[in-house]
Amino acid sequence: MTVSLLPDRLCLLRFPREDLELCSHAILKHILFRDYSHSGHQQHEEPLFSYIDNSLEISIFGDAEALSKDFVKDICPRIEISTHIYRALQVDNG
């Protein structure tokens, strides 16, 4: 088994479910286009992007720099973006 620290710098953001329409363009951009070339470090092929939807809110976990550029208060005023940076581990069996 191999455990590797991935280079991604990740953050968590959330907003009320009622604001989904306001943020839908930014969400689709991250799902369909995945242009993370603006960050100054090498990325693996599939950058982490996690979308969690419950009855109260939408939570998104992904590349910190990309999320902070695309999900802005001007578009979605009630959005909350964590200032904490997370890192991810990759576990390979073999």
PDB file of N, CA and C in Angstrom:
ATOM      1  N   MET A   1       0.854  -1.174   0.000  1.00  0.00           N
ATOM      2  CA  MET A   1       0.000   0.000   0.000  1.00  0.00           C
ATOM      3  C   MET A   1       0.899   1.237   0.000  1.00  0.00           C
ATOM      4  N   THR A   2       0.537   2.206  -0.823  1.00  0.00           N
ATOM      5  CA  THR A   2       1.272   3.461  -0.915  1.00  0.00           C
ATOM      6  C   THR A   2       0.337   4.617  -0.565  1.00  0.00           C
ATOM      7  N   VAL A   3       0.808   5.504   0.302  1.00  0.00           N
ATOM      8  CA  VAL A   3       0.040   6.695   0.670  1.00  0.00           C
ATOM      9  C   VAL A   3       0.835   7.910   0.211  1.00  0.00           C
ATOM     10  N   SER A   4       0.197   8.758  -0.601  1.00  0.00           N
ATOM     11  CA  SER A   4       0.866   9.947  -1.144  1.00  0.00           C
ATOM     12  C   SER A   4       0.073  11.203  -0.799  1.00  0.00           C
ATOM     13  N   LEU A   5       0.794  12.266  -0.493  1.00  0.00           N
ATOM     14  CA  LEU A   5       0.167  13.569  -0.277  1.00  0.00           C
ATOM     15  C   LEU A   5       0.005  14.242  -1.634  1.00  0.00           C
ATOM     16  N   LEU A   6      -1.229  14.557  -2.005  1.00  0.00           N
ATOM     17  CA  LEU A   6      -1.488  15.209  -3.288  1.00  0.00           C
ATOM     18  C   LEU A   6      -1.140  16.697  -3.192  1.00  0.00           C
ATOM     19  N   PRO A   7      -0.747  17.308  -4.306  1.00  0.00           N
ATOM     20  CA  PRO A   7      -0.311  18.711  -4.277  1.00  0.00           C
ATOM     21  C   PRO A   7      -1.451  19.723  -4.133  1.00  0.00           C
ATOM     22  N   ASP A   8      -2.681  19.291  -4.325  1.00  0.00           N
ATOM     23  CA  ASP A   8      -3.823  20.207  -4.288  1.00  0.00           C
ATOM     24  C   ASP A   8      -3.952  20.920  -2.948  1.00  0.00           C
ATOM     25  N   ARG A   9      -4.302  22.193  -3.025  1.00  0.00           N
ATOM     26  CA  ARG A   9      -4.656  22.984  -1.847  1.00  0.00           C
ATOM     27  C   ARG A   9      -6.172  23.161  -1.938  1.00  0.00           C
ATOM     28  N   LEU A  10      -6.890  22.592  -0.982  1.00  0.00           N
ATOM     29  CA  LEU A  10      -8.342  22.487  -1.060  1.00  0.00           C
ATOM     30  C   LEU A  10      -9.030  23.381  -0.036  1.00  0.00           C
ATOM     31  N   CYS A  11     -10.266  23.785  -0.370  1.00  0.00           N
ATOM     32  CA  CYS A  11     -11.080  24.524   0.592  1.00  0.00           C
ATOM     33  C   CYS A  11     -12.527  24.057   0.488  1.00  0.00           C
ATOM     34  N   LEU A  12     -13.291  24.438   1.482  1.00  0.00           N
ATOM     35  CA  LEU A  12     -14.695  24.078   1.566  1.00  0.00           C
ATOM     36  C   LEU A  12     -15.520  25.352   1.465  1.00  0.00           C
ATOM     37  N   LEU A  13     -16.569  25.301   0.659  1.00  0.00           N
ATOM     38  CA  LEU A  13     -17.507  26.425   0.614  1.00  0.00           C
ATOM     39  C   LEU A  13     -18.914  25.884   0.742  1.00  0.00           C
ATOM     40  N   ARG A  14     -19.816  26.735   1.187  1.00  0.00           N
ATOM     41  CA  ARG A  14     -21.216  26.324   1.322  1.00  0.00           C
ATOM     42  C   ARG A  14     -22.123  27.529   1.151  1.00  0.00           C
ATOM     43  N   PHE A  15     -23.359  27.225   0.738  1.00  0.00           N
ATOM     44  CA  PHE A  15     -24.358  28.274   0.573  1.00  0.00           C
ATOM     45  C   PHE A  15     -25.735  27.646   0.710  1.00  0.00           C
ATOM     46  N   PRO A  16     -26.764  28.444   1.031  1.00  0.00           N
ATOM     47  CA  PRO A  16     -28.114  27.909   1.186  1.00  0.00           C
ATOM     48  C   PRO A  16     -28.608  27.281  -0.119  1.00  0.00           C
ATOM     49  N   ARG A  17     -29.366  26.223   0.016  1.00  0.00           N
ATOM     50  CA  ARG A  17     -29.890  25.505  -1.150  1.00  0.00           C
ATOM     51  C   ARG A  17     -30.695  26.432  -2.068  1.00  0.00           C
ATOM     52  N   GLU A  18     -31.356  27.420  -1.504  1.00  0.00           N
ATOM     53  CA  GLU A  18     -32.161  28.354  -2.294  1.00  0.00           C
ATOM     54  C   GLU A  18     -31.307  29.167  -3.270  1.00  0.00           C
ATOM     55  N   ASP A  19     -30.002  29.264  -3.020  1.00  0.00           N
ATOM     56  CA  ASP A  19     -29.105  30.046  -3.880  1.00  0.00           C
ATOM     57  C   ASP A  19     -28.442  29.214  -4.978  1.00  0.00           C
ATOM     58  N   LEU A  20     -28.879  27.979  -5.149  1.00  0.00           N
ATOM     59  CA  LEU A  20     -28.259  27.099  -6.145  1.00  0.00           C
ATOM     60  C   LEU A  20     -28.283  27.710  -7.541  1.00  0.00           C
ATOM     61  N   GLU A  21     -29.382  28.323  -7.919  1.00  0.00           N
ATOM     62  CA  GLU A  21     -29.477  28.924  -9.253  1.00  0.00           C
ATOM     63  C   GLU A  21     -28.437  30.033  -9.445  1.00  0.00           C
ATOM     64  N   LEU A  22     -28.166  30.804  -8.397  1.00  0.00           N
ATOM     65  CA  LEU A  22     -27.178  31.883  -8.489  1.00  0.00           C
ATOM     66  C   LEU A  22     -25.763  31.356  -8.730  1.00  0.00           C
ATOM     67  N   CYS A  23     -25.470  30.185  -8.195  1.00  0.00           N
ATOM     68  CA  CYS A  23     -24.114  29.620  -8.284  1.00  0.00           C
ATOM     69  C   CYS A  23     -23.984  28.540  -9.351  1.00  0.00           C
ATOM     70  N   SER A  24     -25.033  28.264 -10.094  1.00  0.00           N
ATOM     71  CA  SER A  24     -25.013  27.142 -11.041  1.00  0.00           C
ATOM     72  C   SER A  24     -23.971  27.307 -12.148  1.00  0.00           C
ATOM     73  N   HIS A  25     -23.726  28.531 -12.611  1.00  0.00           N
ATOM     74  CA  HIS A  25     -22.725  28.741 -13.664  1.00  0.00           C
ATOM     75  C   HIS A  25     -21.334  28.329 -13.179  1.00  0.00           C
ATOM     76  N   ALA A  26     -20.967  28.758 -11.972  1.00  0.00           N
ATOM     77  CA  ALA A  26     -19.649  28.406 -11.422  1.00  0.00           C
ATOM     78  C   ALA A  26     -19.537  26.900 -11.189  1.00  0.00           C
ATOM     79  N   ILE A  27     -20.609  26.268 -10.724  1.00  0.00           N
ATOM     80  CA  ILE A  27     -20.595  24.817 -10.502  1.00  0.00           C
ATOM     81  C   ILE A  27     -20.381  24.090 -11.822  1.00  0.00           C
ATOM     82  N   LEU A  28     -21.142  24.464 -12.843  1.00  0.00           N
ATOM     83  CA  LEU A  28     -21.001  23.811 -14.153  1.00  0.00           C
ATOM     84  C   LEU A  28     -19.615  24.030 -14.745  1.00  0.00           C
ATOM     85  N   LYS A  29     -19.048  25.204 -14.544  1.00  0.00           N
ATOM     86  CA  LYS A  29     -17.695  25.467 -15.039  1.00  0.00           C
ATOM     87  C   LYS A  29     -16.705  24.474 -14.441  1.00  0.00           C
ATOM     88  N   HIS A  30     -16.815  24.223 -13.149  1.00  0.00           N
ATOM     89  CA  HIS A  30     -15.885  23.307 -12.483  1.00  0.00           C
ATOM     90  C   HIS A  30     -16.128  21.853 -12.871  1.00  0.00           C
ATOM     91  N   ILE A  31     -17.361  21.486 -13.125  1.00  0.00           N
ATOM     92  CA  ILE A  31     -17.660  20.101 -13.499  1.00  0.00           C
ATOM     93  C   ILE A  31     -17.291  19.829 -14.952  1.00  0.00           C
ATOM     94  N   LEU A  32     -17.639  20.734 -15.855  1.00  0.00           N
ATOM     95  CA  LEU A  32     -17.467  20.478 -17.290  1.00  0.00           C
ATOM     96  C   LEU A  32     -16.110  20.870 -17.845  1.00  0.00           C
ATOM     97  N   PHE A  33     -15.538  21.959 -17.360  1.00  0.00           N
ATOM     98  CA  PHE A  33     -14.323  22.469 -17.994  1.00  0.00           C
ATOM     99  C   PHE A  33     -13.052  22.180 -17.211  1.00  0.00           C
ATOM    100  N   ARG A  34     -13.112  22.169 -15.900  1.00  0.00           N
ATOM    101  CA  ARG A  34     -11.971  21.807 -15.056  1.00  0.00           C
ATOM    102  C   ARG A  34     -10.673  22.463 -15.489  1.00  0.00           C
ATOM    103  N   ASP A  35     -10.683  23.759 -15.709  1.00  0.00           N
ATOM    104  CA  ASP A  35      -9.478  24.484 -16.113  1.00  0.00           C
ATOM    105  C   ASP A  35      -8.742  24.957 -14.869  1.00  0.00           C
ATOM    106  N   TYR A  36      -7.794  24.159 -14.426  1.00  0.00           N
ATOM    107  CA  TYR A  36      -7.019  24.495 -13.243  1.00  0.00           C
ATOM    108  C   TYR A  36      -5.607  24.905 -13.627  1.00  0.00           C
ATOM    109  N   SER A  37      -5.384  25.240 -14.890  1.00  0.00           N
ATOM    110  CA  SER A  37      -4.041  25.580 -15.356  1.00  0.00           C
ATOM    111  C   SER A  37      -3.539  26.901 -14.779  1.00  0.00           C
ATOM    112  N   HIS A  38      -4.435  27.724 -14.209  1.00  0.00           N
ATOM    113  CA  HIS A  38      -4.012  29.011 -13.665  1.00  0.00           C
ATOM    114  C   HIS A  38      -3.181  28.859 -12.396  1.00  0.00           C
ATOM    115  N   SER A  39      -3.321  27.745 -11.690  1.00  0.00           N
ATOM    116  CA  SER A  39      -2.534  27.583 -10.466  1.00  0.00           C
ATOM    117  C   SER A  39      -1.086  27.289 -10.831  1.00  0.00           C
ATOM    118  N   GLY A  40      -0.180  27.737 -10.015  1.00  0.00           N
ATOM    119  CA  GLY A  40       1.239  27.665 -10.338  1.00  0.00           C
ATOM    120  C   GLY A  40       1.891  26.324 -10.114  1.00  0.00           C
ATOM    121  N   HIS A  41       1.132  25.294  -9.786  1.00  0.00           N
ATOM    122  CA  HIS A  41       1.760  24.000  -9.545  1.00  0.00           C
ATOM    123  C   HIS A  41       1.122  22.926 -10.412  1.00  0.00           C
ATOM    124  N   GLN A  42       1.835  21.833 -10.547  1.00  0.00           N
ATOM    125  CA  GLN A  42       1.359  20.739 -11.399  1.00  0.00           C
ATOM    126  C   GLN A  42       0.178  20.042 -10.730  1.00  0.00           C
ATOM    127  N   GLN A  43      -0.848  19.776 -11.487  1.00  0.00           N
ATOM    128  CA  GLN A  43      -2.032  19.092 -10.987  1.00  0.00           C
ATOM    129  C   GLN A  43      -2.108  17.695 -11.582  1.00  0.00           C
ATOM    130  N   HIS A  44      -2.744  16.785 -10.856  1.00  0.00           N
ATOM    131  CA  HIS A  44      -3.016  15.494 -11.454  1.00  0.00           C
ATOM    132  C   HIS A  44      -4.200  15.654 -12.406  1.00  0.00           C
ATOM    133  N   GLU A  45      -4.468  14.637 -13.220  1.00  0.00           N
ATOM    134  CA  GLU A  45      -5.460  14.776 -14.299  1.00  0.00           C
ATOM    135  C   GLU A  45      -6.850  15.180 -13.820  1.00  0.00           C
ATOM    136  N   GLU A  46      -7.322  14.602 -12.752  1.00  0.00           N
ATOM    137  CA  GLU A  46      -8.670  14.881 -12.266  1.00  0.00           C
ATOM    138  C   GLU A  46      -8.604  15.627 -10.932  1.00  0.00           C
ATOM    139  N   PRO A  47      -8.669  16.949 -10.949  1.00  0.00           N
ATOM    140  CA  PRO A  47      -8.631  17.686  -9.682  1.00  0.00           C
ATOM    141  C   PRO A  47      -9.850  17.341  -8.830  1.00  0.00           C
ATOM    142  N   LEU A  48      -9.669  17.363  -7.543  1.00  0.00           N
ATOM    143  CA  LEU A  48     -10.740  17.014  -6.628  1.00  0.00           C
ATOM    144  C   LEU A  48     -11.850  18.064  -6.682  1.00  0.00           C
ATOM    145  N   PHE A  49     -13.076  17.603  -6.837  1.00  0.00           N
ATOM    146  CA  PHE A  49     -14.248  18.471  -6.782  1.00  0.00           C
ATOM    147  C   PHE A  49     -15.373  17.631  -6.203  1.00  0.00           C
ATOM    148  N   SER A  50     -15.845  18.012  -5.037  1.00  0.00           N
ATOM    149  CA  SER A  50     -16.900  17.262  -4.369  1.00  0.00           C
ATOM    150  C   SER A  50     -18.101  18.177  -4.157  1.00  0.00           C
ATOM    151  N   TYR A  51     -19.263  17.713  -4.591  1.00  0.00           N
ATOM    152  CA  TYR A  51     -20.515  18.470  -4.487  1.00  0.00           C
ATOM    153  C   TYR A  51     -21.436  17.706  -3.547  1.00  0.00           C
ATOM    154  N   ILE A  52     -21.858  18.336  -2.457  1.00  0.00           N
ATOM    155  CA  ILE A  52     -22.743  17.702  -1.486  1.00  0.00           C
ATOM    156  C   ILE A  52     -24.002  18.551  -1.375  1.00  0.00           C
ATOM    157  N   ASP A  53     -25.145  17.922  -1.558  1.00  0.00           N
ATOM    158  CA  ASP A  53     -26.436  18.606  -1.571  1.00  0.00           C
ATOM    159  C   ASP A  53     -27.331  17.966  -0.512  1.00  0.00           C
ATOM    160  N   ASN A  54     -27.783  18.753   0.456  1.00  0.00           N
ATOM    161  CA  ASN A  54     -28.767  18.238   1.402  1.00  0.00           C
ATOM    162  C   ASN A  54     -29.963  19.181   1.428  1.00  0.00           C
ATOM    163  N   SER A  55     -30.891  18.954   2.307  1.00  0.00           N
ATOM    164  CA  SER A  55     -32.127  19.745   2.294  1.00  0.00           C
ATOM    165  C   SER A  55     -31.916  21.208   2.682  1.00  0.00           C
ATOM    166  N   LEU A  56     -30.806  21.537   3.334  1.00  0.00           N
ATOM    167  CA  LEU A  56     -30.578  22.906   3.794  1.00  0.00           C
ATOM    168  C   LEU A  56     -29.540  23.681   3.004  1.00  0.00           C
ATOM    169  N   GLU A  57     -28.460  23.000   2.575  1.00  0.00           N
ATOM    170  CA  GLU A  57     -27.362  23.728   1.948  1.00  0.00           C
ATOM    171  C   GLU A  57     -26.634  22.887   0.910  1.00  0.00           C
ATOM    172  N   ILE A  58     -25.825  23.581   0.121  1.00  0.00           N
ATOM    173  CA  ILE A  58     -24.914  22.962  -0.838  1.00  0.00           C
ATOM    174  C   ILE A  58     -23.509  23.173  -0.283  1.00  0.00           C
ATOM    175  N   SER A  59     -22.709  22.118  -0.262  1.00  0.00           N
ATOM    176  CA  SER A  59     -21.309  22.216   0.145  1.00  0.00           C
ATOM    177  C   SER A  59     -20.445  21.744  -1.009  1.00  0.00           C
ATOM    178  N   ILE A  60     -19.360  22.458  -1.259  1.00  0.00           N
ATOM    179  CA  ILE A  60     -18.435  22.102  -2.339  1.00  0.00           C
ATOM    180  C   ILE A  60     -17.028  22.102  -1.764  1.00  0.00           C
ATOM    181  N   PHE A  61     -16.294  21.053  -2.103  1.00  0.00           N
ATOM    182  CA  PHE A  61     -14.919  20.887  -1.649  1.00  0.00           C
ATOM    183  C   PHE A  61     -14.060  20.780  -2.893  1.00  0.00           C
ATOM    184  N   GLY A  62     -13.062  21.656  -3.049  1.00  0.00           N
ATOM    185  CA  GLY A  62     -12.237  21.618  -4.251  1.00  0.00           C
ATOM    186  C   GLY A  62     -11.032  22.534  -4.173  1.00  0.00           C
ATOM    187  N   ASP A  63     -10.387  22.747  -5.315  1.00  0.00           N
ATOM    188  CA  ASP A  63      -9.181  23.565  -5.424  1.00  0.00           C
ATOM    189  C   ASP A  63      -9.439  24.966  -4.856  1.00  0.00           C
ATOM    190  N   ALA A  64      -8.656  25.343  -3.854  1.00  0.00           N
ATOM    191  CA  ALA A  64      -8.891  26.597  -3.130  1.00  0.00           C
ATOM    192  C   ALA A  64      -8.811  27.824  -4.028  1.00  0.00           C
ATOM    193  N   GLU A  65      -7.797  27.902  -4.860  1.00  0.00           N
ATOM    194  CA  GLU A  65      -7.621  29.081  -5.712  1.00  0.00           C
ATOM    195  C   GLU A  65      -8.742  29.190  -6.743  1.00  0.00           C
ATOM    196  N   ALA A  66      -9.072  28.078  -7.375  1.00  0.00           N
ATOM    197  CA  ALA A  66     -10.119  28.090  -8.401  1.00  0.00           C
ATOM    198  C   ALA A  66     -11.484  28.419  -7.804  1.00  0.00           C
ATOM    199  N   LEU A  67     -11.807  27.826  -6.663  1.00  0.00           N
ATOM    200  CA  LEU A  67     -13.102  28.101  -6.045  1.00  0.00           C
ATOM    201  C   LEU A  67     -13.216  29.558  -5.616  1.00  0.00           C
ATOM    202  N   SER A  68     -12.143  30.119  -5.075  1.00  0.00           N
ATOM    203  CA  SER A  68     -12.215  31.510  -4.618  1.00  0.00           C
ATOM    204  C   SER A  68     -12.350  32.496  -5.776  1.00  0.00           C
ATOM    205  N   LYS A  69     -11.896  32.119  -6.967  1.00  0.00           N
ATOM    206  CA  LYS A  69     -12.035  32.997  -8.137  1.00  0.00           C
ATOM    207  C   LYS A  69     -13.425  32.922  -8.757  1.00  0.00           C
ATOM    208  N   ASP A  70     -14.040  31.745  -8.731  1.00  0.00           N
ATOM    209  CA  ASP A  70     -15.312  31.562  -9.429  1.00  0.00           C
ATOM    210  C   ASP A  70     -16.546  31.733  -8.547  1.00  0.00           C
ATOM    211  N   PHE A  71     -16.434  31.450  -7.268  1.00  0.00           N
ATOM    212  CA  PHE A  71     -17.564  31.581  -6.355  1.00  0.00           C
ATOM    213  C   PHE A  71     -17.342  32.846  -5.528  1.00  0.00           C
ATOM    214  N   VAL A  72     -17.923  33.942  -5.981  1.00  0.00           N
ATOM    215  CA  VAL A  72     -17.699  35.236  -5.329  1.00  0.00           C
ATOM    216  C   VAL A  72     -18.996  35.765  -4.722  1.00  0.00           C
ATOM    217  N   LYS A  73     -18.850  36.621  -3.725  1.00  0.00           N
ATOM    218  CA  LYS A  73     -20.014  37.190  -3.026  1.00  0.00           C
ATOM    219  C   LYS A  73     -20.920  38.003  -3.952  1.00  0.00           C
ATOM    220  N   ASP A  74     -20.362  38.591  -5.011  1.00  0.00           N
ATOM    221  CA  ASP A  74     -21.184  39.360  -5.952  1.00  0.00           C
ATOM    222  C   ASP A  74     -22.230  38.473  -6.618  1.00  0.00           C
ATOM    223  N   ILE A  75     -21.873  37.224  -6.856  1.00  0.00           N
ATOM    224  CA  ILE A  75     -22.780  36.283  -7.520  1.00  0.00           C
ATOM    225  C   ILE A  75     -23.702  35.611  -6.511  1.00  0.00           C
ATOM    226  N   CYS A  76     -23.147  35.180  -5.417  1.00  0.00           N
ATOM    227  CA  CYS A  76     -23.901  34.441  -4.400  1.00  0.00           C
ATOM    228  C   CYS A  76     -23.621  35.078  -3.033  1.00  0.00           C
ATOM    229  N   PRO A  77     -24.403  36.081  -2.639  1.00  0.00           N
ATOM    230  CA  PRO A  77     -24.111  36.866  -1.436  1.00  0.00           C
ATOM    231  C   PRO A  77     -24.040  36.060  -0.137  1.00  0.00           C
ATOM    232  N   ARG A  78     -24.752  34.951  -0.049  1.00  0.00           N
ATOM    233  CA  ARG A  78     -24.770  34.192   1.208  1.00  0.00           C
ATOM    234  C   ARG A  78     -23.759  33.043   1.229  1.00  0.00           C
ATOM    235  N   ILE A  79     -22.832  33.050   0.291  1.00  0.00           N
ATOM    236  CA  ILE A  79     -21.825  31.994   0.241  1.00  0.00           C
ATOM    237  C   ILE A  79     -20.832  32.151   1.391  1.00  0.00           C
ATOM    238  N   GLU A  80     -20.388  31.038   1.940  1.00  0.00           N
ATOM    239  CA  GLU A  80     -19.366  31.028   2.987  1.00  0.00           C
ATOM    240  C   GLU A  80     -18.199  30.197   2.477  1.00  0.00           C
ATOM    241  N   ILE A  81     -17.012  30.795   2.409  1.00  0.00           N
ATOM    242  CA  ILE A  81     -15.817  30.085   1.957  1.00  0.00           C
ATOM    243  C   ILE A  81     -14.859  29.978   3.133  1.00  0.00           C
ATOM    244  N   SER A  82     -14.493  28.751   3.466  1.00  0.00           N
ATOM    245  CA  SER A  82     -13.576  28.509   4.575  1.00  0.00           C
ATOM    246  C   SER A  82     -12.199  29.085   4.265  1.00  0.00           C
ATOM    247  N   THR A  83     -11.572  29.663   5.263  1.00  0.00           N
ATOM    248  CA  THR A  83     -10.205  30.157   5.089  1.00  0.00           C
ATOM    249  C   THR A  83      -9.185  29.063   5.393  1.00  0.00           C
ATOM    250  N   HIS A  84      -9.646  27.937   5.923  1.00  0.00           N
ATOM    251  CA  HIS A  84      -8.756  26.812   6.230  1.00  0.00           C
ATOM    252  C   HIS A  84      -8.405  26.076   4.936  1.00  0.00           C
ATOM    253  N   ILE A  85      -7.142  25.758   4.758  1.00  0.00           N
ATOM    254  CA  ILE A  85      -6.693  25.001   3.587  1.00  0.00           C
ATOM    255  C   ILE A  85      -6.530  23.539   3.981  1.00  0.00           C
ATOM    256  N   TYR A  86      -7.103  22.653   3.180  1.00  0.00           N
ATOM    257  CA  TYR A  86      -7.024  21.215   3.408  1.00  0.00           C
ATOM    258  C   TYR A  86      -6.092  20.582   2.383  1.00  0.00           C
ATOM    259  N   ARG A  87      -5.574  19.421   2.704  1.00  0.00           N
ATOM    260  CA  ARG A  87      -4.762  18.629   1.777  1.00  0.00           C
ATOM    261  C   ARG A  87      -5.406  17.253   1.669  1.00  0.00           C
ATOM    262  N   ALA A  88      -5.142  16.550   0.582  1.00  0.00           N
ATOM    263  CA  ALA A  88      -5.724  15.229   0.350  1.00  0.00           C
ATOM    264  C   ALA A  88      -4.622  14.179   0.253  1.00  0.00           C
ATOM    265  N   LEU A  89      -4.961  12.985   0.703  1.00  0.00           N
ATOM    266  CA  LEU A  89      -4.070  11.840   0.577  1.00  0.00           C
ATOM    267  C   LEU A  89      -4.615  10.900  -0.482  1.00  0.00           C
ATOM    268  N   GLN A  90      -3.723  10.278  -1.225  1.00  0.00           N
ATOM    269  CA  GLN A  90      -4.116   9.256  -2.193  1.00  0.00           C
ATOM    270  C   GLN A  90      -3.573   7.930  -1.687  1.00  0.00           C
ATOM    271  N   VAL A  91      -4.442   6.933  -1.571  1.00  0.00           N
ATOM    272  CA  VAL A  91      -4.046   5.612  -1.100  1.00  0.00           C
ATOM    273  C   VAL A  91      -4.169   4.637  -2.258  1.00  0.00           C
ATOM    274  N   ASP A  92      -3.053   3.994  -2.604  1.00  0.00           N
ATOM    275  CA  ASP A  92      -3.029   3.002  -3.685  1.00  0.00           C
ATOM    276  C   ASP A  92      -2.737   1.633  -3.094  1.00  0.00           C
ATOM    277  N   ASN A  93      -3.542   0.651  -3.459  1.00  0.00           N
ATOM    278  CA  ASN A  93      -3.276  -0.735  -3.065  1.00  0.00           C
ATOM    279  C   ASN A  93      -2.407  -1.375  -4.128  1.00  0.00           C
ATOM    280  N   GLY A  94      -1.310  -1.924  -3.710  1.00  0.00           N
ATOM    281  CA  GLY A  94      -0.513  -2.633  -4.708  1.00  0.00           C
ATOM    282  C   GLY A  94       0.927  -2.487  -4.601  1.00  0.00           C
TER     283      GLY A  94
END
